Amino acid sequence: MELTSSQINKNVSDTIKFHRIQRRLSLSELGRMINITQQQMSRYELNISQLNVVYLYKLSKVFDIDTCSFYTNRDLCINRDD
């Protein structure tokens, strides 16, 4: 089943919120870690704004996770071993 762009963005925003809460970070703290405002971090987490790949990469480093972890559909991930 192919996901819509809306579903993909929702998966990403839900993953951000999950990892932020798990690490007990405020939106302000997380925003500072990747050099964006609390307001913009909130927009990403609420799926109001789409996250660009640079911030997705920065968040993966902060959360110490692979960028593929932002997606529930593993088909969206590129297998570098192929």
N, C-alpha and C. Protein backbone atom coordinates (compact mmCIF):
# COMPACT_ATOMS: atom_id res chain seq x y z
N MET A 1 0.84 -1.18 0.00
CA MET A 1 0.00 0.00 0.00
C MET A 1 0.88 1.25 0.00
N GLU A 2 0.63 2.12 -0.90
CA GLU A 2 1.40 3.35 -0.99
C GLU A 2 0.79 4.41 -0.08
N LEU A 3 1.64 5.09 0.68
CA LEU A 3 1.18 6.14 1.57
C LEU A 3 1.05 7.45 0.82
N THR A 4 0.10 8.26 1.24
CA THR A 4 -0.03 9.59 0.67
C THR A 4 0.99 10.51 1.33
N SER A 5 1.24 11.65 0.73
CA SER A 5 2.18 12.60 1.32
C SER A 5 1.67 13.07 2.69
N SER A 6 0.38 13.18 2.83
CA SER A 6 -0.20 13.58 4.11
C SER A 6 0.08 12.52 5.19
N GLN A 7 -0.04 11.26 4.84
CA GLN A 7 0.24 10.17 5.79
C GLN A 7 1.72 10.15 6.17
N ILE A 8 2.58 10.37 5.20
CA ILE A 8 4.02 10.39 5.47
C ILE A 8 4.35 11.53 6.41
N ASN A 9 3.83 12.73 6.13
CA ASN A 9 4.09 13.88 6.99
C ASN A 9 3.56 13.64 8.41
N LYS A 10 2.41 12.99 8.53
CA LYS A 10 1.84 12.68 9.85
C LYS A 10 2.75 11.70 10.59
N ASN A 11 3.26 10.71 9.91
CA ASN A 11 4.18 9.75 10.54
C ASN A 11 5.42 10.46 11.08
N VAL A 12 5.95 11.38 10.28
CA VAL A 12 7.15 12.12 10.68
C VAL A 12 6.85 12.98 11.91
N SER A 13 5.74 13.71 11.87
CA SER A 13 5.42 14.59 13.01
C SER A 13 5.15 13.78 14.28
N ASP A 14 4.48 12.65 14.16
CA ASP A 14 4.23 11.79 15.32
C ASP A 14 5.53 11.24 15.90
N THR A 15 6.46 10.90 15.03
CA THR A 15 7.75 10.37 15.48
C THR A 15 8.55 11.44 16.20
N ILE A 16 8.52 12.65 15.69
CA ILE A 16 9.22 13.76 16.37
C ILE A 16 8.67 13.92 17.79
N LYS A 17 7.36 13.99 17.89
CA LYS A 17 6.74 14.18 19.20
C LYS A 17 7.07 13.03 20.14
N PHE A 18 7.00 11.80 19.65
CA PHE A 18 7.31 10.63 20.47
C PHE A 18 8.72 10.72 21.05
N HIS A 19 9.70 10.98 20.19
CA HIS A 19 11.09 11.01 20.65
C HIS A 19 11.38 12.23 21.54
N ARG A 20 10.73 13.35 21.25
CA ARG A 20 10.92 14.53 22.10
C ARG A 20 10.42 14.26 23.51
N ILE A 21 9.22 13.71 23.61
CA ILE A 21 8.64 13.42 24.92
C ILE A 21 9.44 12.34 25.63
N GLN A 22 9.85 11.32 24.90
CA GLN A 22 10.65 10.24 25.48
C GLN A 22 11.94 10.78 26.11
N ARG A 23 12.49 11.81 25.52
CA ARG A 23 13.74 12.39 26.02
C ARG A 23 13.49 13.58 26.96
N ARG A 24 12.21 13.82 27.24
CA ARG A 24 11.81 14.89 28.16
C ARG A 24 12.36 16.26 27.75
N LEU A 25 12.26 16.54 26.46
CA LEU A 25 12.69 17.83 25.91
C LEU A 25 11.47 18.70 25.66
N SER A 26 11.58 19.97 25.93
CA SER A 26 10.52 20.91 25.55
C SER A 26 10.69 21.24 24.07
N LEU A 27 9.67 21.84 23.50
CA LEU A 27 9.77 22.28 22.11
C LEU A 27 10.89 23.31 21.97
N SER A 28 11.03 24.18 22.95
CA SER A 28 12.09 25.19 22.91
C SER A 28 13.47 24.55 22.95
N GLU A 29 13.65 23.58 23.84
CA GLU A 29 14.95 22.90 23.94
C GLU A 29 15.30 22.19 22.64
N LEU A 30 14.34 21.47 22.09
CA LEU A 30 14.59 20.75 20.85
C LEU A 30 14.86 21.73 19.70
N GLY A 31 14.08 22.79 19.65
CA GLY A 31 14.30 23.79 18.62
C GLY A 31 15.70 24.39 18.68
N ARG A 32 16.15 24.71 19.89
CA ARG A 32 17.50 25.25 20.05
C ARG A 32 18.56 24.27 19.57
N MET A 33 18.31 22.99 19.78
CA MET A 33 19.29 21.97 19.39
C MET A 33 19.48 21.90 17.88
N ILE A 34 18.46 22.30 17.12
CA ILE A 34 18.58 22.26 15.66
C ILE A 34 18.46 23.65 15.04
N ASN A 35 18.56 24.66 15.89
CA ASN A 35 18.59 26.07 15.45
C ASN A 35 17.31 26.55 14.77
N ILE A 36 16.17 26.20 15.36
CA ILE A 36 14.90 26.77 14.91
C ILE A 36 14.11 27.23 16.14
N THR A 37 13.09 28.02 15.92
CA THR A 37 12.29 28.53 17.03
C THR A 37 11.35 27.47 17.58
N GLN A 38 10.89 27.72 18.79
CA GLN A 38 9.90 26.84 19.42
C GLN A 38 8.64 26.81 18.56
N GLN A 39 8.26 27.96 18.02
CA GLN A 39 7.06 28.03 17.20
C GLN A 39 7.16 27.15 15.96
N GLN A 40 8.33 27.19 15.30
CA GLN A 40 8.50 26.36 14.10
C GLN A 40 8.54 24.88 14.47
N MET A 41 9.19 24.56 15.59
CA MET A 41 9.23 23.17 16.05
C MET A 41 7.81 22.68 16.31
N SER A 42 6.98 23.52 16.90
CA SER A 42 5.59 23.17 17.16
C SER A 42 4.83 22.93 15.85
N ARG A 43 5.07 23.75 14.85
CA ARG A 43 4.41 23.57 13.55
C ARG A 43 4.78 22.23 12.92
N TYR A 44 6.05 21.85 13.05
CA TYR A 44 6.46 20.54 12.51
C TYR A 44 5.77 19.41 13.27
N GLU A 45 5.76 19.52 14.59
CA GLU A 45 5.19 18.46 15.41
C GLU A 45 3.68 18.34 15.23
N LEU A 46 3.02 19.45 14.97
CA LEU A 46 1.57 19.44 14.76
C LEU A 46 1.20 19.18 13.30
N ASN A 47 2.19 18.98 12.46
CA ASN A 47 2.00 18.70 11.03
C ASN A 47 1.34 19.87 10.31
N ILE A 48 1.65 21.07 10.77
CA ILE A 48 1.16 22.28 10.10
C ILE A 48 2.13 22.68 8.99
N SER A 49 3.41 22.50 9.25
CA SER A 49 4.47 22.78 8.27
C SER A 49 5.19 21.48 7.95
N GLN A 50 5.68 21.39 6.73
CA GLN A 50 6.44 20.20 6.34
C GLN A 50 7.91 20.40 6.68
N LEU A 51 8.48 19.38 7.25
CA LEU A 51 9.87 19.39 7.66
C LEU A 51 10.76 19.16 6.44
N ASN A 52 11.81 19.99 6.29
CA ASN A 52 12.72 19.72 5.18
C ASN A 52 13.76 18.69 5.59
N VAL A 53 14.45 18.14 4.64
CA VAL A 53 15.35 17.02 4.90
C VAL A 53 16.54 17.40 5.78
N VAL A 54 16.95 18.64 5.74
CA VAL A 54 18.07 19.08 6.59
C VAL A 54 17.68 18.95 8.06
N TYR A 55 16.48 19.41 8.41
CA TYR A 55 16.03 19.32 9.80
C TYR A 55 15.71 17.89 10.18
N LEU A 56 15.22 17.10 9.23
CA LEU A 56 15.00 15.68 9.50
C LEU A 56 16.32 15.01 9.87
N TYR A 57 17.36 15.34 9.14
CA TYR A 57 18.69 14.80 9.42
C TYR A 57 19.18 15.27 10.80
N LYS A 58 19.02 16.56 11.09
CA LYS A 58 19.46 17.09 12.38
C LYS A 58 18.71 16.42 13.54
N LEU A 59 17.42 16.23 13.36
CA LEU A 59 16.63 15.56 14.40
C LEU A 59 17.06 14.11 14.58
N SER A 60 17.40 13.43 13.50
CA SER A 60 17.86 12.05 13.63
C SER A 60 19.15 11.99 14.45
N LYS A 61 20.00 13.00 14.33
CA LYS A 61 21.23 13.05 15.12
C LYS A 61 20.93 13.35 16.59
N VAL A 62 20.02 14.29 16.85
CA VAL A 62 19.64 14.62 18.23
C VAL A 62 19.02 13.40 18.91
N PHE A 63 18.14 12.69 18.20
CA PHE A 63 17.45 11.54 18.77
C PHE A 63 18.28 10.26 18.69
N ASP A 64 19.41 10.31 17.98
CA ASP A 64 20.27 9.15 17.79
C ASP A 64 19.49 7.99 17.15
N ILE A 65 18.79 8.32 16.08
CA ILE A 65 18.04 7.32 15.33
C ILE A 65 18.36 7.46 13.85
N ASP A 66 18.08 6.44 13.09
CA ASP A 66 18.24 6.48 11.64
C ASP A 66 17.09 7.30 11.06
N THR A 67 17.34 8.01 9.98
CA THR A 67 16.27 8.81 9.38
C THR A 67 15.07 7.93 8.96
N CYS A 68 15.31 6.68 8.66
CA CYS A 68 14.20 5.78 8.31
C CYS A 68 13.24 5.57 9.48
N SER A 69 13.70 5.83 10.68
CA SER A 69 12.84 5.67 11.86
C SER A 69 11.69 6.66 11.87
N PHE A 70 11.76 7.70 11.06
CA PHE A 70 10.67 8.66 10.99
C PHE A 70 9.49 8.14 10.18
N TYR A 71 9.70 7.05 9.46
CA TYR A 71 8.66 6.49 8.61
C TYR A 71 8.21 5.15 9.16
N THR A 72 6.91 4.90 9.14
CA THR A 72 6.43 3.59 9.55
C THR A 72 6.45 2.61 8.39
N ASN A 73 6.50 3.12 7.19
CA ASN A 73 6.55 2.28 5.99
C ASN A 73 8.01 2.18 5.56
N ARG A 74 8.63 1.07 5.79
CA ARG A 74 10.05 0.89 5.49
C ARG A 74 10.35 0.96 3.99
N ASP A 75 9.33 0.84 3.16
CA ASP A 75 9.55 0.95 1.71
C ASP A 75 10.00 2.36 1.33
N LEU A 76 9.80 3.33 2.21
CA LEU A 76 10.22 4.69 1.93
C LEU A 76 11.72 4.88 2.17
N CYS A 77 12.34 3.91 2.81
CA CYS A 77 13.76 4.00 3.13
C CYS A 77 14.60 3.44 1.98
N ILE A 78 15.74 4.02 1.80
CA ILE A 78 16.67 3.55 0.78
C ILE A 78 17.64 2.60 1.42
N ASN A 79 17.74 1.41 0.87
CA ASN A 79 18.67 0.43 1.39
C ASN A 79 20.02 0.65 0.73
N ARG A 80 20.98 1.13 1.46
CA ARG A 80 22.29 1.46 0.92
C ARG A 80 23.14 0.21 0.64
N ASP A 81 22.67 -0.95 1.10
CA ASP A 81 23.42 -2.18 0.88
C ASP A 81 23.14 -2.79 -0.48
N ASP A 82 22.12 -2.30 -1.18
CA ASP A 82 21.77 -2.84 -2.50
C ASP A 82 22.75 -2.40 -3.56
